[in-house]
Amino acid sequence: MLKECLENVRKKSPLVHNITNYVTVNDVANILLACGASPIMADDRNDVEDITTICGGLNINIGTLNQNTVPSMLLAGKKANELGHQVLLDPVGAGAGTFRTETALNLMKEVRFDVIRGNISEIKTLARGFGRTKGVDADAADAVTEDNLSRAVTFVKEMAAGLGCIIAVTGAIDLVSDGNSTYVIRNGRPEMGQITGTGCQLSGLMTAYMTANPDNRLEAAAAAVCAMGLAGEIGWSHLESYEGNATYRNRIIDAIYRMDGDTLEKGARYEIRQ
């Protein structure tokens, strides 16, 4: 199924509208091109409804939130809902400040999201309506580990069921759940955390995968997480001793570009918990 999800992205080349943060907008666009999708970046309120209309998926990322883009996010989200498009929320930094936390919670009230993807601290913030986050990174006290994995799976599963959408928690161990089944994914490298925007890239990638696989959304979301983690592993294996995180970023995008379905099926490391 993971292989099919990847191949559908290549075949269908979905057009994805991204209202994302300006720190990583270029990398998000490039990883979408690398996977076979097409990106559009538009965030003006006078433009977003028209752009959303011609796209198949919408990726909303609040990383560099400002008062001008919040109305754009709401307009685009509601238009995407009206058209039946796949919609993703990346609540970057939820819990770090009142404005972004309240914005994320309000977006969840006003827009129907097919998937919410974030680190464990951000997801817990949304579940509780409050939380603690160190910048845009997960709080160490919240980290998903082998010791607390069963509790984390239960939490993600219950949240997904309660919200009626897919919840994707990414970190050292990734969890993707639709409220019935949960993928526990162990692909990736810790060094990916030294690159700004791997999470933002994954949100764009996941939107493309879900747009190309609307009838298998859970598998599509899990396939995107596996692909991104596997790309981190492949990219790291190709680094020379004198290369660092800037080159590593490019190696990850290259790995997504070169990845085929067989490579993903062979390299994906996951289990499914019911």
Foldseek 3Di string as FASTA:
>chain_A
DLQVLLVLCQVVQFEEEEAEDPVCPVLLQLLSVLSNHHYDYDQALVPQLVSLVVGQEYEYECLPPDPRRLNSLLNNQVSCVVVVHAYEYELFPQQVDDVSVVSVLVCLVRGQHQEYEAAQQNVVCNVVVHGHDDHRHRDPVRDQDPVCPVVVQVVQLVVLVVSQHWYWHDDCWIWIYNNPKIKTWRFADPQVVVAPDLRVNLSSQLRSSCSSPVPPNRSSNLSSNLLQRNLLVQLVVPDDPPDDDVSSSVSSSNSSNPDHSVNSVVRTDIDMDD
